[in-house]
């Protein structure tokens, strides 16, 4: 299996960090699964015979590059990173295309109507469903 970097992209304040923190909760059984966090994290897990790295900080090219380098040093086979919808954050990810297959998944847009916001319970469900989707995507790569 060729190594893979997955860019989980979306606009600022659109739920990328929260969704990827939910994904981290799937793999980190030492934490409370109801521990809802919007803080940036970088984690590495053994999963189905591979090393899986997840980083939630995707706002700046330099940060993405540093986080990917950290996960490469940890020998991650699949890396999931948050990133913006286009521009320098994609450039940071695409700079690894010689050694990694590059995939992009969109983070669902949260605010469809100007001025409307989903309530906290709906947001948690959306973050959870986004995490389920990304995990399913990873599982498909492993088949």
Protein backbone atom coordinates (compact mmCIF):
# COMPACT_ATOMS: atom_id res chain seq x y z
CA UNK A 1 0.00 0.00 0.00
CA UNK A 2 1.35 3.40 -0.96
CA UNK A 3 1.33 5.92 1.85
CA UNK A 4 -1.51 8.45 1.84
CA UNK A 5 -2.09 12.00 3.02
CA UNK A 6 -5.73 13.04 3.32
CA UNK A 7 -6.46 16.76 3.38
CA UNK A 8 -9.73 17.44 5.21
CA UNK A 9 -10.58 20.84 3.81
CA UNK A 10 -13.04 23.61 4.51
CA UNK A 11 -13.40 27.29 5.23
CA UNK A 12 -12.26 28.86 8.49
CA UNK A 13 -14.44 28.07 11.52
CA UNK A 14 -16.31 25.40 9.62
CA UNK A 15 -15.75 22.45 11.97
CA UNK A 16 -12.58 20.81 10.66
CA UNK A 17 -10.84 20.75 14.04
CA UNK A 18 -13.94 19.56 15.88
CA UNK A 19 -14.61 16.83 13.31
CA UNK A 20 -11.02 15.57 13.40
CA UNK A 21 -11.03 15.65 17.20
CA UNK A 22 -14.08 13.37 17.01
CA UNK A 23 -12.06 11.11 14.70
CA UNK A 24 -9.23 11.07 17.25
CA UNK A 25 -11.76 10.03 19.90
CA UNK A 26 -12.62 6.93 17.80
CA UNK A 27 -9.03 5.73 18.07
CA UNK A 28 -8.01 7.00 21.50
CA UNK A 29 -9.88 4.76 23.91
CA UNK A 30 -8.10 6.25 26.92
CA UNK A 31 -10.15 9.43 26.59
CA UNK A 32 -13.75 10.07 27.50
CA UNK A 33 -15.73 9.67 24.24
CA UNK A 34 -17.97 12.53 25.33
CA UNK A 35 -14.95 14.81 25.73
CA UNK A 36 -15.78 17.46 23.16
CA UNK A 37 -12.79 19.61 22.24
CA UNK A 38 -12.03 22.30 19.71
CA UNK A 39 -8.31 22.45 20.55
CA UNK A 40 -5.72 21.50 17.93
CA UNK A 41 -4.08 18.09 18.36
CA UNK A 42 -1.55 15.83 16.70
CA UNK A 43 -1.91 12.09 17.39
CA UNK A 44 -0.56 8.81 16.03
CA UNK A 45 -2.31 5.43 16.40
CA UNK A 46 -1.74 1.80 15.46
CA UNK A 47 -4.81 0.84 13.44
CA UNK A 48 -5.44 -2.38 11.49
CA UNK A 49 -1.75 -3.01 10.88
CA UNK A 50 -0.81 0.55 9.90
CA UNK A 51 0.21 3.74 11.63
CA UNK A 52 -2.44 6.45 11.36
CA UNK A 53 -1.57 10.08 12.06
CA UNK A 54 -4.15 12.82 12.58
CA UNK A 55 -3.48 16.53 12.94
CA UNK A 56 -6.23 19.08 13.39
CA UNK A 57 -4.28 22.30 12.84
CA UNK A 58 -4.71 23.25 9.19
CA UNK A 59 -4.78 27.01 8.93
CA UNK A 60 -1.21 27.75 7.83
CA UNK A 61 1.18 26.18 5.33
CA UNK A 62 4.09 26.13 7.78
CA UNK A 63 2.07 24.43 10.51
CA UNK A 64 0.77 21.77 8.13
CA UNK A 65 4.30 21.07 6.88
CA UNK A 66 5.66 20.80 10.43
CA UNK A 67 2.83 18.50 11.51
CA UNK A 68 3.20 16.25 8.47
CA UNK A 69 6.96 16.04 9.09
CA UNK A 70 6.30 15.04 12.71
CA UNK A 71 3.91 12.29 11.60
CA UNK A 72 6.35 11.09 8.93
CA UNK A 73 9.02 10.76 11.64
CA UNK A 74 6.50 8.66 13.59
CA UNK A 75 6.32 6.43 10.48
CA UNK A 76 2.63 7.05 9.75
CA UNK A 77 1.27 5.25 6.70
CA UNK A 78 -1.87 7.37 6.50
CA UNK A 79 -1.91 11.00 7.59
CA UNK A 80 -5.09 13.04 7.96
CA UNK A 81 -4.68 16.79 8.23
CA UNK A 82 -7.03 19.71 8.29
CA UNK A 83 -6.46 22.33 5.59
CA UNK A 84 -8.17 25.30 3.99
CA UNK A 85 -10.21 25.04 0.81
CA UNK A 86 -7.32 26.04 -1.47
CA UNK A 87 -4.02 27.88 -1.67
CA UNK A 88 -0.88 27.47 0.39
CA UNK A 89 -2.27 24.80 2.70
CA UNK A 90 -2.88 22.58 -0.34
CA UNK A 91 0.61 23.44 -1.62
CA UNK A 92 2.03 22.17 1.68
CA UNK A 93 0.20 18.85 1.30
CA UNK A 94 0.90 18.49 -2.43
CA UNK A 95 4.63 18.91 -1.80
CA UNK A 96 4.59 15.29 -0.54
CA UNK A 97 3.05 13.79 -3.71
CA UNK A 98 6.32 12.11 -4.70
CA UNK A 99 6.10 9.77 -1.70
CA UNK A 100 2.39 9.87 -0.84
CA UNK A 101 -0.92 9.56 -2.64
CA UNK A 102 -2.80 12.78 -1.95
CA UNK A 103 -6.55 12.72 -1.32
CA UNK A 104 -8.92 15.54 -0.35
CA UNK A 105 -12.21 15.28 1.54
CA UNK A 106 -14.47 18.25 2.08
CA UNK A 107 -15.71 19.23 5.51
CA UNK A 108 -19.48 19.80 5.23
CA UNK A 109 -20.43 23.46 5.29
CA UNK A 110 -22.21 24.34 8.50
CA UNK A 111 -24.01 27.53 7.66
CA UNK A 112 -26.33 27.31 4.68
CA UNK A 113 -28.42 30.39 5.39
CA UNK A 114 -26.82 33.69 6.26
CA UNK A 115 -27.31 34.52 9.91
CA UNK A 116 -28.45 31.03 10.87
CA UNK A 117 -26.39 28.67 12.98
CA UNK A 118 -27.12 25.12 14.03
CA UNK A 119 -27.46 24.63 17.77
CA UNK A 120 -24.70 22.92 19.74
CA UNK A 121 -26.40 19.51 19.66
CA UNK A 122 -26.75 19.63 15.87
CA UNK A 123 -23.13 20.71 15.54
CA UNK A 124 -21.94 17.76 17.65
CA UNK A 125 -23.92 15.39 15.43
CA UNK A 126 -22.43 16.96 12.31
CA UNK A 127 -18.88 16.68 13.68
CA UNK A 128 -19.51 13.06 14.63
CA UNK A 129 -20.96 12.18 11.21
CA UNK A 130 -17.99 13.88 9.49
CA UNK A 131 -15.62 11.80 11.63
CA UNK A 132 -17.52 8.62 10.73
CA UNK A 133 -17.19 9.50 7.05
CA UNK A 134 -13.43 10.08 7.29
CA UNK A 135 -12.97 6.83 9.23
CA UNK A 136 -14.97 4.96 6.57
CA UNK A 137 -12.77 6.52 3.90
CA UNK A 138 -9.65 5.31 5.73
CA UNK A 139 -11.16 1.83 6.08
CA UNK A 140 -11.80 1.72 2.31
CA UNK A 141 -8.16 2.60 1.65
CA UNK A 142 -7.12 -0.40 3.75
CA UNK A 143 -9.16 -2.92 1.72
